[in-house]
Amino acid sequence: MENSTLEARLKAIEESLRLNKKVFNTTDLHRYTGLSKSTIYKLTSTGKIPHNSPTGKIIFFDKDEVDSWLLSNKNESAVADAKAWANS
C-alpha cells in the first residue's frame, strides 16, 4: 500500500476515534455536528444546548445529551435550526 493511502486511512481512523468519545470539547462538537464554533458558543451562552463548564472557562458536552438535543426536533433538523437561529 502507498504511504498516502495509509496516511489517509490512519487519519480516518483517528477522526472516528475522536468522535467516539463520551465527552466533547467545542472543537469535537464542531466536527461532530458541523456547527460553527461561534454558533456553539451562542447556543451555550443562551442555554439552548446542554453543556458543562466546571471551571467556568472550558466547555464540555456529553455526547448522549448532544444526540438527544439533535434529535429533539423530529419535524426539522436541529442542526439547521441552530444555524438559522445563529444567523438571525
N, C-alpha and C. Protein backbone atom coordinates (compact mmCIF):
# COMPACT_ATOMS: atom_id res chain seq x y z
N MET A 1 0.83 -1.18 0.00
CA MET A 1 0.00 0.00 0.00
C MET A 1 0.88 1.25 0.00
N GLU A 2 0.44 2.27 -0.69
CA GLU A 2 1.21 3.50 -0.75
C GLU A 2 1.10 4.26 0.56
N ASN A 3 2.12 5.06 0.83
CA ASN A 3 2.12 5.86 2.06
C ASN A 3 0.93 6.80 2.13
N SER A 4 0.57 7.42 1.01
CA SER A 4 -0.56 8.36 1.03
C SER A 4 -1.87 7.65 1.38
N THR A 5 -2.03 6.43 0.90
CA THR A 5 -3.23 5.66 1.21
C THR A 5 -3.26 5.30 2.69
N LEU A 6 -2.12 4.88 3.21
CA LEU A 6 -2.04 4.54 4.63
C LEU A 6 -2.29 5.76 5.51
N GLU A 7 -1.73 6.89 5.12
CA GLU A 7 -1.93 8.12 5.88
C GLU A 7 -3.40 8.53 5.88
N ALA A 8 -4.05 8.41 4.74
CA ALA A 8 -5.47 8.76 4.65
C ALA A 8 -6.31 7.84 5.53
N ARG A 9 -6.00 6.55 5.51
CA ARG A 9 -6.75 5.60 6.34
C ARG A 9 -6.50 5.86 7.82
N LEU A 10 -5.27 6.18 8.18
CA LEU A 10 -4.94 6.48 9.57
C LEU A 10 -5.68 7.72 10.05
N LYS A 11 -5.74 8.75 9.22
CA LYS A 11 -6.47 9.97 9.59
C LYS A 11 -7.95 9.68 9.77
N ALA A 12 -8.51 8.84 8.92
CA ALA A 12 -9.93 8.48 9.04
C ALA A 12 -10.19 7.72 10.34
N ILE A 13 -9.28 6.84 10.70
CA ILE A 13 -9.41 6.08 11.95
C ILE A 13 -9.29 7.02 13.15
N GLU A 14 -8.33 7.93 13.10
CA GLU A 14 -8.15 8.89 14.20
C GLU A 14 -9.39 9.75 14.37
N GLU A 15 -9.97 10.21 13.28
CA GLU A 15 -11.18 11.04 13.35
C GLU A 15 -12.34 10.25 13.93
N SER A 16 -12.46 8.99 13.52
CA SER A 16 -13.52 8.14 14.04
C SER A 16 -13.37 7.94 15.55
N LEU A 17 -12.16 7.71 16.00
CA LEU A 17 -11.91 7.55 17.44
C LEU A 17 -12.20 8.84 18.20
N ARG A 18 -11.83 9.96 17.62
CA ARG A 18 -12.06 11.25 18.26
C ARG A 18 -13.55 11.50 18.48
N LEU A 19 -14.37 11.09 17.52
CA LEU A 19 -15.81 11.34 17.61
C LEU A 19 -16.55 10.25 18.39
N ASN A 20 -15.84 9.23 18.84
CA ASN A 20 -16.46 8.19 19.66
C ASN A 20 -16.26 8.45 21.15
N LYS A 21 -15.71 9.60 21.50
CA LYS A 21 -15.52 9.94 22.90
C LYS A 21 -16.88 10.19 23.55
N LYS A 22 -16.95 10.02 24.86
CA LYS A 22 -18.19 10.29 25.60
C LYS A 22 -18.38 11.77 25.85
N VAL A 23 -17.29 12.50 26.01
CA VAL A 23 -17.35 13.93 26.30
C VAL A 23 -16.60 14.69 25.21
N PHE A 24 -17.25 15.70 24.66
CA PHE A 24 -16.66 16.53 23.61
C PHE A 24 -16.25 17.89 24.17
N ASN A 25 -15.22 18.45 23.56
CA ASN A 25 -14.95 19.88 23.77
C ASN A 25 -15.57 20.61 22.58
N THR A 26 -15.37 21.91 22.51
CA THR A 26 -16.01 22.70 21.45
C THR A 26 -15.55 22.25 20.06
N THR A 27 -14.27 21.97 19.90
CA THR A 27 -13.74 21.53 18.60
C THR A 27 -14.35 20.19 18.20
N ASP A 28 -14.43 19.27 19.15
CA ASP A 28 -15.04 17.97 18.87
C ASP A 28 -16.50 18.13 18.45
N LEU A 29 -17.23 18.99 19.16
CA LEU A 29 -18.64 19.20 18.83
C LEU A 29 -18.80 19.82 17.45
N HIS A 30 -17.91 20.73 17.11
CA HIS A 30 -17.91 21.33 15.77
C HIS A 30 -17.75 20.25 14.71
N ARG A 31 -16.79 19.36 14.91
CA ARG A 31 -16.56 18.28 13.94
C ARG A 31 -17.73 17.31 13.89
N TYR A 32 -18.32 17.05 15.04
CA TYR A 32 -19.41 16.07 15.14
C TYR A 32 -20.70 16.58 14.50
N THR A 33 -21.01 17.86 14.71
CA THR A 33 -22.29 18.40 14.24
C THR A 33 -22.20 19.23 12.98
N GLY A 34 -21.02 19.78 12.71
CA GLY A 34 -20.88 20.70 11.59
C GLY A 34 -21.24 22.12 11.95
N LEU A 35 -21.66 22.35 13.20
CA LEU A 35 -21.95 23.71 13.64
C LEU A 35 -20.66 24.50 13.79
N SER A 36 -20.70 25.76 13.44
CA SER A 36 -19.50 26.59 13.62
C SER A 36 -19.27 26.79 15.12
N LYS A 37 -18.04 27.10 15.46
CA LYS A 37 -17.72 27.33 16.87
C LYS A 37 -18.49 28.53 17.41
N SER A 38 -18.66 29.55 16.60
CA SER A 38 -19.40 30.73 17.08
C SER A 38 -20.86 30.36 17.36
N THR A 39 -21.45 29.50 16.53
CA THR A 39 -22.81 29.05 16.78
C THR A 39 -22.87 28.24 18.07
N ILE A 40 -21.89 27.40 18.29
CA ILE A 40 -21.84 26.60 19.52
C ILE A 40 -21.76 27.51 20.73
N TYR A 41 -20.91 28.54 20.67
CA TYR A 41 -20.79 29.47 21.80
C TYR A 41 -22.10 30.22 22.04
N LYS A 42 -22.78 30.61 20.97
CA LYS A 42 -24.07 31.29 21.12
C LYS A 42 -25.10 30.37 21.76
N LEU A 43 -25.11 29.11 21.33
CA LEU A 43 -26.07 28.15 21.88
C LEU A 43 -25.80 27.88 23.36
N THR A 44 -24.52 27.84 23.75
CA THR A 44 -24.21 27.61 25.16
C THR A 44 -24.54 28.85 26.00
N SER A 45 -24.25 30.03 25.48
CA SER A 45 -24.49 31.24 26.26
C SER A 45 -25.97 31.50 26.51
N THR A 46 -26.82 30.98 25.63
CA THR A 46 -28.26 31.15 25.80
C THR A 46 -28.92 29.92 26.42
N GLY A 47 -28.11 28.89 26.71
CA GLY A 47 -28.64 27.69 27.34
C GLY A 47 -29.46 26.82 26.42
N LYS A 48 -29.26 26.95 25.11
CA LYS A 48 -30.06 26.19 24.15
C LYS A 48 -29.48 24.82 23.85
N ILE A 49 -28.25 24.56 24.28
CA ILE A 49 -27.64 23.25 24.08
C ILE A 49 -27.08 22.80 25.43
N PRO A 50 -27.27 21.52 25.79
CA PRO A 50 -26.76 21.05 27.08
C PRO A 50 -25.24 21.05 27.10
N HIS A 51 -24.68 21.59 28.18
CA HIS A 51 -23.23 21.67 28.30
C HIS A 51 -22.84 21.78 29.77
N ASN A 52 -21.56 21.58 30.03
CA ASN A 52 -21.00 21.73 31.37
C ASN A 52 -19.76 22.59 31.27
N SER A 53 -19.55 23.39 32.27
CA SER A 53 -18.36 24.24 32.33
C SER A 53 -17.87 24.29 33.77
N PRO A 54 -17.22 23.20 34.22
CA PRO A 54 -16.85 23.10 35.64
C PRO A 54 -15.88 24.18 36.12
N THR A 55 -15.02 24.66 35.24
CA THR A 55 -14.06 25.69 35.65
C THR A 55 -14.49 27.08 35.24
N GLY A 56 -15.56 27.17 34.47
CA GLY A 56 -16.03 28.46 34.01
C GLY A 56 -15.39 28.91 32.71
N LYS A 57 -14.38 28.20 32.25
CA LYS A 57 -13.70 28.58 31.01
C LYS A 57 -13.90 27.54 29.91
N ILE A 58 -13.56 26.32 30.20
CA ILE A 58 -13.65 25.25 29.20
C ILE A 58 -15.06 24.68 29.21
N ILE A 59 -15.61 24.48 28.01
CA ILE A 59 -16.97 23.96 27.88
C ILE A 59 -16.90 22.51 27.42
N PHE A 60 -17.67 21.65 28.08
CA PHE A 60 -17.75 20.24 27.73
C PHE A 60 -19.18 19.87 27.37
N PHE A 61 -19.30 18.88 26.48
CA PHE A 61 -20.61 18.43 26.02
C PHE A 61 -20.66 16.91 26.13
N ASP A 62 -21.69 16.39 26.78
CA ASP A 62 -21.91 14.96 26.87
C ASP A 62 -22.50 14.49 25.53
N LYS A 63 -21.86 13.52 24.91
CA LYS A 63 -22.28 13.07 23.58
C LYS A 63 -23.73 12.59 23.58
N ASP A 64 -24.14 11.86 24.60
CA ASP A 64 -25.52 11.36 24.66
C ASP A 64 -26.51 12.52 24.76
N GLU A 65 -26.17 13.54 25.55
CA GLU A 65 -27.05 14.71 25.68
C GLU A 65 -27.12 15.48 24.36
N VAL A 66 -25.99 15.57 23.67
CA VAL A 66 -25.98 16.26 22.37
C VAL A 66 -26.83 15.49 21.37
N ASP A 67 -26.69 14.16 21.36
CA ASP A 67 -27.50 13.35 20.45
C ASP A 67 -28.99 13.55 20.72
N SER A 68 -29.37 13.56 21.99
CA SER A 68 -30.78 13.80 22.34
C SER A 68 -31.23 15.17 21.89
N TRP A 69 -30.37 16.17 22.09
CA TRP A 69 -30.69 17.53 21.67
C TRP A 69 -30.86 17.61 20.16
N LEU A 70 -29.96 16.95 19.42
CA LEU A 70 -30.04 16.97 17.97
C LEU A 70 -31.32 16.30 17.47
N LEU A 71 -31.76 15.27 18.18
CA LEU A 71 -32.94 14.52 17.75
C LEU A 71 -34.24 15.03 18.37
N SER A 72 -34.15 16.09 19.16
CA SER A 72 -35.33 16.56 19.89
C SER A 72 -36.39 17.18 18.98
N ASN A 73 -36.01 17.67 17.83
CA ASN A 73 -36.96 18.27 16.90
C ASN A 73 -37.15 17.31 15.73
N LYS A 74 -38.21 16.53 15.78
CA LYS A 74 -38.41 15.49 14.77
C LYS A 74 -38.92 16.03 13.44
N ASN A 75 -39.50 17.24 13.43
CA ASN A 75 -40.03 17.79 12.19
C ASN A 75 -38.97 18.46 11.33
N GLU A 76 -37.96 19.03 11.98
CA GLU A 76 -36.90 19.72 11.26
C GLU A 76 -35.57 19.34 11.88
N SER A 77 -34.53 19.52 11.12
CA SER A 77 -33.19 19.22 11.62
C SER A 77 -32.79 20.22 12.69
N ALA A 78 -32.35 19.72 13.83
CA ALA A 78 -31.92 20.60 14.92
C ALA A 78 -30.69 21.39 14.52
N VAL A 79 -29.83 20.78 13.73
CA VAL A 79 -28.64 21.50 13.28
C VAL A 79 -29.04 22.65 12.37
N ALA A 80 -29.96 22.43 11.45
CA ALA A 80 -30.43 23.50 10.57
C ALA A 80 -31.09 24.61 11.38
N ASP A 81 -31.86 24.23 12.40
CA ASP A 81 -32.49 25.22 13.27
C ASP A 81 -31.45 26.05 13.99
N ALA A 82 -30.41 25.40 14.49
CA ALA A 82 -29.36 26.11 15.22
C ALA A 82 -28.62 27.08 14.31
N LYS A 83 -28.33 26.65 13.09
CA LYS A 83 -27.65 27.53 12.14
C LYS A 83 -28.53 28.73 11.79
N ALA A 84 -29.81 28.48 11.56
CA ALA A 84 -30.73 29.57 11.23
C ALA A 84 -30.84 30.53 12.40
N TRP A 85 -30.91 30.00 13.62
CA TRP A 85 -31.01 30.84 14.80
C TRP A 85 -29.76 31.70 14.95
N ALA A 86 -28.58 31.10 14.71
CA ALA A 86 -27.32 31.83 14.86
C ALA A 86 -27.19 32.94 13.83
N ASN A 87 -27.77 32.73 12.66
CA ASN A 87 -27.66 33.73 11.59
C ASN A 87 -28.73 34.81 11.68
N SER A 88 -29.66 34.68 12.61
CA SER A 88 -30.73 35.68 12.72
C SER A 88 -30.33 36.86 13.59
